[in-house]
N, C-alpha and C. Protein backbone atom coordinates (compact mmCIF):
# COMPACT_ATOMS: atom_id res chain seq x y z
N MET A 1 25.99 15.92 -31.90
CA MET A 1 26.58 14.63 -31.88
C MET A 1 25.44 13.57 -31.45
N PHE A 2 24.73 14.03 -30.25
CA PHE A 2 23.70 12.96 -30.07
C PHE A 2 22.65 12.91 -31.12
N GLU A 3 22.20 13.93 -31.78
CA GLU A 3 21.35 13.85 -32.99
C GLU A 3 21.67 12.88 -34.04
N ALA A 4 22.95 13.02 -34.48
CA ALA A 4 23.55 12.10 -35.43
C ALA A 4 23.29 10.60 -34.97
N LEU A 5 23.71 10.32 -33.74
CA LEU A 5 23.51 9.04 -33.22
C LEU A 5 22.11 8.51 -33.16
N LEU A 6 21.22 9.46 -32.82
CA LEU A 6 19.85 9.04 -32.96
C LEU A 6 19.39 8.79 -34.13
N GLN A 7 19.86 9.47 -34.99
CA GLN A 7 19.37 9.22 -36.54
C GLN A 7 20.04 7.96 -36.96
N GLN A 8 20.96 7.38 -36.62
CA GLN A 8 21.55 6.35 -37.14
C GLN A 8 21.09 4.94 -36.47
N THR A 9 20.38 5.25 -35.29
CA THR A 9 19.75 3.85 -34.66
C THR A 9 18.58 3.61 -35.69
N GLN A 10 18.40 2.22 -35.49
CA GLN A 10 16.99 1.59 -36.24
C GLN A 10 15.91 1.55 -35.31
N ALA A 11 14.75 1.36 -35.86
CA ALA A 11 13.58 1.31 -35.12
C ALA A 11 13.91 0.44 -33.91
N ALA A 12 12.91 0.56 -32.71
CA ALA A 12 13.13 -0.19 -31.69
C ALA A 12 12.51 -1.84 -31.86
N ALA A 13 12.83 -2.76 -31.46
CA ALA A 13 12.28 -3.85 -31.76
C ALA A 13 12.08 -4.44 -30.33
N PRO A 14 11.12 -5.38 -30.29
CA PRO A 14 10.86 -6.11 -28.97
C PRO A 14 12.00 -7.03 -28.57
N ALA A 15 12.28 -7.14 -27.20
CA ALA A 15 13.39 -7.91 -26.73
C ALA A 15 13.03 -9.37 -26.96
N LEU A 16 11.71 -9.74 -27.05
CA LEU A 16 11.43 -11.17 -27.20
C LEU A 16 10.46 -11.34 -28.12
N GLU A 17 10.34 -12.50 -28.67
CA GLU A 17 9.21 -12.81 -29.93
C GLU A 17 8.08 -12.96 -28.94
N PRO A 18 6.84 -12.67 -29.60
CA PRO A 18 5.48 -12.96 -28.70
C PRO A 18 5.46 -14.43 -28.46
N THR A 19 6.06 -15.46 -29.19
CA THR A 19 6.05 -16.85 -28.82
C THR A 19 6.92 -17.09 -27.69
N ALA A 20 8.13 -16.50 -27.60
CA ALA A 20 9.11 -16.80 -26.59
C ALA A 20 8.45 -16.23 -25.23
N ALA A 21 7.89 -15.08 -25.41
CA ALA A 21 7.38 -14.52 -24.03
C ALA A 21 6.07 -15.29 -23.47
N ALA A 22 5.39 -15.99 -24.31
CA ALA A 22 4.41 -16.78 -24.03
C ALA A 22 4.86 -18.17 -23.36
N ALA A 23 5.98 -18.45 -23.91
CA ALA A 23 6.54 -19.66 -23.34
C ALA A 23 7.15 -19.45 -21.95
N ILE A 24 7.78 -18.27 -21.73
CA ILE A 24 8.26 -17.74 -20.52
C ILE A 24 7.32 -17.66 -19.52
N ALA A 25 6.09 -17.08 -19.85
CA ALA A 25 5.00 -16.92 -19.01
C ALA A 25 4.49 -18.34 -18.51
N VAL A 26 4.14 -19.10 -19.24
CA VAL A 26 3.76 -20.49 -19.07
C VAL A 26 4.72 -21.11 -18.11
N GLY A 27 5.92 -21.07 -18.47
CA GLY A 27 6.97 -21.81 -17.54
C GLY A 27 7.04 -21.02 -16.19
N LEU A 28 6.96 -19.89 -16.08
CA LEU A 28 6.96 -19.21 -14.80
C LEU A 28 5.69 -19.58 -13.87
N ALA A 29 4.67 -19.61 -14.77
CA ALA A 29 3.33 -20.11 -14.04
C ALA A 29 3.55 -21.16 -13.40
N ALA A 30 3.95 -22.42 -14.35
CA ALA A 30 4.06 -23.64 -13.78
C ALA A 30 5.20 -23.80 -12.64
N PHE A 31 6.18 -23.04 -12.47
CA PHE A 31 7.02 -22.95 -11.57
C PHE A 31 6.45 -22.39 -10.22
N GLY A 32 5.54 -21.37 -10.35
CA GLY A 32 4.96 -20.75 -9.19
C GLY A 32 3.99 -21.67 -8.78
N ALA A 33 3.17 -22.42 -9.48
CA ALA A 33 2.10 -23.43 -9.13
C ALA A 33 2.71 -24.47 -8.46
N GLY A 34 3.81 -24.93 -8.97
CA GLY A 34 4.52 -26.06 -8.26
C GLY A 34 5.08 -25.47 -6.80
N TYR A 35 5.68 -24.55 -6.80
CA TYR A 35 6.20 -24.03 -5.62
C TYR A 35 5.10 -23.59 -4.41
N ALA A 36 3.91 -23.25 -4.89
CA ALA A 36 2.64 -23.14 -4.04
C ALA A 36 2.26 -24.73 -3.56
N GLU A 37 2.15 -25.48 -4.60
CA GLU A 37 1.64 -26.65 -4.15
C GLU A 37 2.52 -27.49 -3.24
N ARG A 38 3.91 -27.29 -3.06
CA ARG A 38 4.69 -27.92 -2.17
C ARG A 38 4.22 -27.61 -0.73
N GLY A 39 4.06 -26.44 -0.43
CA GLY A 39 3.44 -26.13 0.82
C GLY A 39 2.21 -26.71 1.14
N ILE A 40 1.22 -26.41 0.31
CA ILE A 40 -0.11 -26.79 0.38
C ILE A 40 -0.40 -28.32 0.40
N GLY A 41 0.22 -28.95 -0.51
CA GLY A 41 0.19 -30.40 -0.39
C GLY A 41 0.55 -31.21 1.04
N ALA A 42 1.68 -30.54 1.40
CA ALA A 42 2.13 -31.10 2.71
C ALA A 42 1.35 -30.80 3.89
N ALA A 43 0.71 -29.47 3.77
CA ALA A 43 -0.36 -29.20 4.91
C ALA A 43 -1.55 -30.12 4.69
N ALA A 44 -1.93 -30.19 3.57
CA ALA A 44 -3.30 -31.04 3.23
C ALA A 44 -3.03 -32.41 3.58
N MET A 45 -1.89 -33.03 3.19
CA MET A 45 -1.70 -34.52 3.73
C MET A 45 -1.55 -34.70 5.20
N GLY A 46 -1.17 -33.77 5.94
CA GLY A 46 -1.26 -33.79 7.42
C GLY A 46 -2.49 -33.62 7.87
N ALA A 47 -3.30 -32.73 7.39
CA ALA A 47 -4.61 -32.67 7.74
C ALA A 47 -5.41 -33.81 7.69
N ILE A 48 -5.41 -34.42 6.42
CA ILE A 48 -6.17 -35.49 6.04
C ILE A 48 -5.73 -36.71 6.99
N ALA A 49 -4.36 -36.82 7.34
CA ALA A 49 -3.89 -37.79 8.07
C ALA A 49 -4.51 -37.62 9.56
N GLU A 50 -4.98 -36.58 10.05
CA GLU A 50 -5.60 -36.53 11.35
C GLU A 50 -6.97 -36.55 11.11
N ASP A 51 -7.69 -36.20 10.17
CA ASP A 51 -9.19 -36.25 10.06
C ASP A 51 -9.43 -36.59 8.42
N ASN A 52 -10.04 -37.61 8.06
CA ASN A 52 -10.55 -38.02 6.82
C ASN A 52 -11.46 -36.90 6.04
N ASP A 53 -12.18 -36.15 7.03
CA ASP A 53 -13.27 -35.36 6.51
C ASP A 53 -12.72 -34.14 5.91
N LEU A 54 -11.46 -33.95 5.94
CA LEU A 54 -10.84 -32.77 5.44
C LEU A 54 -10.29 -33.12 3.97
N PHE A 55 -10.58 -34.22 3.38
CA PHE A 55 -10.05 -34.76 2.04
C PHE A 55 -10.54 -33.63 1.04
N VAL A 56 -11.89 -33.37 0.91
CA VAL A 56 -12.31 -32.70 -0.11
C VAL A 56 -11.63 -31.17 -0.01
N ASN A 57 -11.65 -30.49 1.24
CA ASN A 57 -10.82 -29.28 1.35
C ASN A 57 -9.54 -29.28 0.93
N GLY A 58 -8.79 -30.33 1.37
CA GLY A 58 -7.39 -30.60 0.90
C GLY A 58 -7.08 -30.78 -0.55
N LEU A 59 -8.07 -31.53 -1.19
CA LEU A 59 -8.16 -31.59 -2.70
C LEU A 59 -8.37 -30.32 -3.31
N ILE A 60 -9.12 -29.71 -2.90
CA ILE A 60 -9.53 -28.27 -3.61
C ILE A 60 -8.34 -27.35 -3.45
N LEU A 61 -7.89 -27.20 -2.19
CA LEU A 61 -6.72 -26.34 -1.91
C LEU A 61 -5.42 -26.56 -2.72
N THR A 62 -5.02 -28.15 -2.95
CA THR A 62 -4.08 -28.50 -3.68
C THR A 62 -4.38 -28.22 -5.21
N VAL A 63 -5.36 -28.26 -5.75
CA VAL A 63 -5.74 -28.14 -7.04
C VAL A 63 -5.56 -26.54 -7.44
N LEU A 64 -5.82 -25.66 -6.48
CA LEU A 64 -6.24 -24.28 -6.70
C LEU A 64 -5.01 -23.59 -7.56
N PRO A 65 -3.76 -23.80 -7.35
CA PRO A 65 -2.45 -23.19 -7.96
C PRO A 65 -2.51 -23.83 -9.42
N GLU A 66 -3.05 -24.96 -9.66
CA GLU A 66 -3.14 -25.17 -11.19
C GLU A 66 -3.80 -24.40 -12.08
N THR A 67 -4.93 -23.49 -11.44
CA THR A 67 -5.60 -22.65 -12.26
C THR A 67 -4.40 -21.48 -12.97
N LEU A 68 -3.56 -21.18 -12.28
CA LEU A 68 -2.59 -20.41 -12.70
C LEU A 68 -1.98 -20.82 -14.16
N VAL A 69 -1.79 -21.99 -14.17
CA VAL A 69 -0.97 -22.69 -15.46
C VAL A 69 -2.01 -22.73 -16.52
N ILE A 70 -3.15 -23.10 -16.05
CA ILE A 70 -4.36 -23.25 -17.17
C ILE A 70 -4.57 -21.86 -17.44
N LEU A 71 -4.55 -20.65 -16.77
CA LEU A 71 -4.64 -19.20 -17.44
C LEU A 71 -3.49 -18.99 -18.40
N ALA A 72 -2.40 -19.47 -17.90
CA ALA A 72 -1.22 -18.97 -18.70
C ALA A 72 -1.34 -19.79 -20.05
N LEU A 73 -1.85 -21.05 -20.06
CA LEU A 73 -1.87 -21.63 -21.46
C LEU A 73 -2.95 -20.94 -22.24
N VAL A 74 -4.16 -20.36 -21.74
CA VAL A 74 -4.94 -19.68 -22.25
C VAL A 74 -4.39 -18.42 -22.86
N VAL A 75 -3.43 -17.71 -22.25
CA VAL A 75 -2.71 -16.60 -22.86
C VAL A 75 -1.98 -17.08 -23.97
N VAL A 76 -1.18 -18.33 -23.89
CA VAL A 76 -0.49 -18.72 -25.08
C VAL A 76 -1.20 -18.80 -26.40
N PHE A 77 -2.55 -19.40 -26.27
CA PHE A 77 -3.40 -19.37 -27.26
C PHE A 77 -3.95 -17.98 -27.83
N LEU A 78 -4.14 -17.20 -26.98
CA LEU A 78 -4.64 -15.76 -27.37
C LEU A 78 -3.39 -15.17 -28.09
N VAL A 79 -2.29 -15.29 -27.81
CA VAL A 79 -1.06 -14.47 -28.54
C VAL A 79 -0.93 -15.37 -29.50
């Protein structure tokens, strides 16, 4: 019975098209970067309010999560 069922099934296909999977990857990377920047930005602004010398450090730490989105866009162009 199971052999007949296995013979009737078609070849396995991917659940998502490659372009759809790439779009989901970019969307999730952007969501993760935004979530990370939420806490980092608030902490950086608080630190800068107390000491202006921390501006460069705060800027670098705020921009750092955006590299996730850039890398996700690279993956899109590779797929």
